Amino acid sequence: MKKELKLVIDWSLVDKDDYLLAMERSPIKDIEIKHILRQALTDRIDDREIYMKGIDHSYFYEGYAVYKAEEL
């Protein structure tokens, strides 16, 4: 997406529970997950903070919240 569309997802704008529920339903109906992710698109493709927050949210969604990338 970054290269082709010049957009990235700002994961801080994606609610964990909404995302996980939409992911569960996506094999049957993917419109919900598409809508959630489309709403979180940003053109701040070179913003380091967006990138690092994406890593933090990835760990948070997996249940890990001990460290934050910005603190390392």
C-alpha atoms as a PDB file:
ATOM      1  CA  MET A   1       0.000   0.000   0.000  1.00  0.00           C
ATOM      2  CA  LYS A   2       2.782   2.374   0.885  1.00  0.00           C
ATOM      3  CA  LYS A   3       4.482   2.058  -2.473  1.00  0.00           C
ATOM      4  CA  GLU A   4       1.456   1.720  -4.745  1.00  0.00           C
ATOM      5  CA  LEU A   5      -1.156   3.896  -3.048  1.00  0.00           C
ATOM      6  CA  LYS A   6       1.100   6.206  -1.008  1.00  0.00           C
ATOM      7  CA  LEU A   7      -1.035   5.358   2.038  1.00  0.00           C
ATOM      8  CA  VAL A   8      -0.511   3.448   5.287  1.00  0.00           C
ATOM      9  CA  ILE A   9      -2.805   2.419   8.111  1.00  0.00           C
ATOM     10  CA  ASP A  10      -2.667   4.455  11.302  1.00  0.00           C
ATOM     11  CA  TRP A  11      -3.313   1.602  13.717  1.00  0.00           C
ATOM     12  CA  SER A  12      -3.939   4.000  16.583  1.00  0.00           C
ATOM     13  CA  LEU A  13      -7.247   4.786  14.849  1.00  0.00           C
ATOM     14  CA  VAL A  14      -8.319   1.127  14.761  1.00  0.00           C
ATOM     15  CA  ASP A  15     -10.238  -0.199  17.749  1.00  0.00           C
ATOM     16  CA  LYS A  16      -8.847  -3.586  18.814  1.00  0.00           C
ATOM     17  CA  ASP A  17     -12.204  -5.240  19.496  1.00  0.00           C
ATOM     18  CA  ASP A  18     -13.816  -3.939  16.300  1.00  0.00           C
ATOM     19  CA  TYR A  19     -10.795  -5.096  14.297  1.00  0.00           C
ATOM     20  CA  LEU A  20     -10.689  -8.590  15.817  1.00  0.00           C
ATOM     21  CA  LEU A  21     -14.430  -9.105  15.354  1.00  0.00           C
ATOM     22  CA  ALA A  22     -14.232  -7.923  11.757  1.00  0.00           C
ATOM     23  CA  MET A  23     -11.287 -10.256  11.131  1.00  0.00           C
ATOM     24  CA  GLU A  24     -13.307 -13.205  12.462  1.00  0.00           C
ATOM     25  CA  ARG A  25     -16.142 -12.407  10.077  1.00  0.00           C
ATOM     26  CA  SER A  26     -13.965 -11.468   7.087  1.00  0.00           C
ATOM     27  CA  PRO A  27     -13.850 -14.945   5.462  1.00  0.00           C
ATOM     28  CA  ILE A  28     -17.630 -14.707   5.070  1.00  0.00           C
ATOM     29  CA  LYS A  29     -18.058 -10.979   4.525  1.00  0.00           C
ATOM     30  CA  ASP A  30     -15.027  -8.721   4.199  1.00  0.00           C
ATOM     31  CA  ILE A  31     -16.774  -5.363   3.802  1.00  0.00           C
ATOM     32  CA  GLU A  32     -16.558  -4.626   7.536  1.00  0.00           C
ATOM     33  CA  ILE A  33     -12.775  -5.070   7.766  1.00  0.00           C
ATOM     34  CA  LYS A  34     -12.299  -3.055   4.593  1.00  0.00           C
ATOM     35  CA  HIS A  35     -14.344  -0.211   6.060  1.00  0.00           C
ATOM     36  CA  ILE A  36     -12.435  -0.233   9.357  1.00  0.00           C
ATOM     37  CA  LEU A  37      -9.064  -0.149   7.620  1.00  0.00           C
ATOM     38  CA  ARG A  38     -10.124   2.384   4.995  1.00  0.00           C
ATOM     39  CA  GLN A  39     -11.140   4.800   7.773  1.00  0.00           C
ATOM     40  CA  ALA A  40      -7.646   4.524   9.277  1.00  0.00           C
ATOM     41  CA  LEU A  41      -5.674   5.266   6.097  1.00  0.00           C
ATOM     42  CA  THR A  42      -3.257   8.154   6.170  1.00  0.00           C
ATOM     43  CA  ASP A  43      -0.828   9.682   3.696  1.00  0.00           C
ATOM     44  CA  ARG A  44       1.815  10.120   6.408  1.00  0.00           C
ATOM     45  CA  ILE A  45       3.870   7.302   4.854  1.00  0.00           C
ATOM     46  CA  ASP A  46       7.234   8.507   6.102  1.00  0.00           C
ATOM     47  CA  ASP A  47       6.141   9.327   9.642  1.00  0.00           C
ATOM     48  CA  ARG A  48       8.254   7.279  12.058  1.00  0.00           C
ATOM     49  CA  GLU A  49       5.676   7.691  14.838  1.00  0.00           C
ATOM     50  CA  ILE A  50       2.960   6.061  12.692  1.00  0.00           C
ATOM     51  CA  TYR A  51       5.312   3.166  11.957  1.00  0.00           C
ATOM     52  CA  MET A  52       6.310   2.639  15.595  1.00  0.00           C
ATOM     53  CA  LYS A  53       2.711   2.886  16.816  1.00  0.00           C
ATOM     54  CA  GLY A  54       1.812   0.233  14.260  1.00  0.00           C
ATOM     55  CA  ILE A  55       4.329  -2.114  15.855  1.00  0.00           C
ATOM     56  CA  ASP A  56       2.976  -1.339  19.332  1.00  0.00           C
ATOM     57  CA  HIS A  57      -0.605  -1.986  18.228  1.00  0.00           C
ATOM     58  CA  SER A  58       0.406  -5.263  16.634  1.00  0.00           C
ATOM     59  CA  TYR A  59       1.790  -6.476  19.956  1.00  0.00           C
ATOM     60  CA  PHE A  60      -1.216  -5.060  21.820  1.00  0.00           C
ATOM     61  CA  TYR A  61      -3.616  -6.978  19.563  1.00  0.00           C
ATOM     62  CA  GLU A  62      -1.663 -10.146  20.368  1.00  0.00           C
ATOM     63  CA  GLY A  63      -1.958  -9.469  24.093  1.00  0.00           C
ATOM     64  CA  TYR A  64       1.511  -8.080  24.767  1.00  0.00           C
ATOM     65  CA  ALA A  65       1.750  -4.682  26.412  1.00  0.00           C
ATOM     66  CA  VAL A  66       4.949  -4.812  28.483  1.00  0.00           C
ATOM     67  CA  TYR A  67       7.040  -2.547  26.263  1.00  0.00           C
ATOM     68  CA  LYS A  68       6.344   0.255  23.859  1.00  0.00           C
ATOM     69  CA  ALA A  69       8.601   0.748  20.835  1.00  0.00           C
ATOM     70  CA  GLU A  70       9.150   4.422  21.658  1.00  0.00           C
ATOM     71  CA  GLU A  71      10.568   3.416  25.067  1.00  0.00           C
ATOM     72  CA  LEU A  72      13.166   0.997  23.680  1.00  0.00           C
END
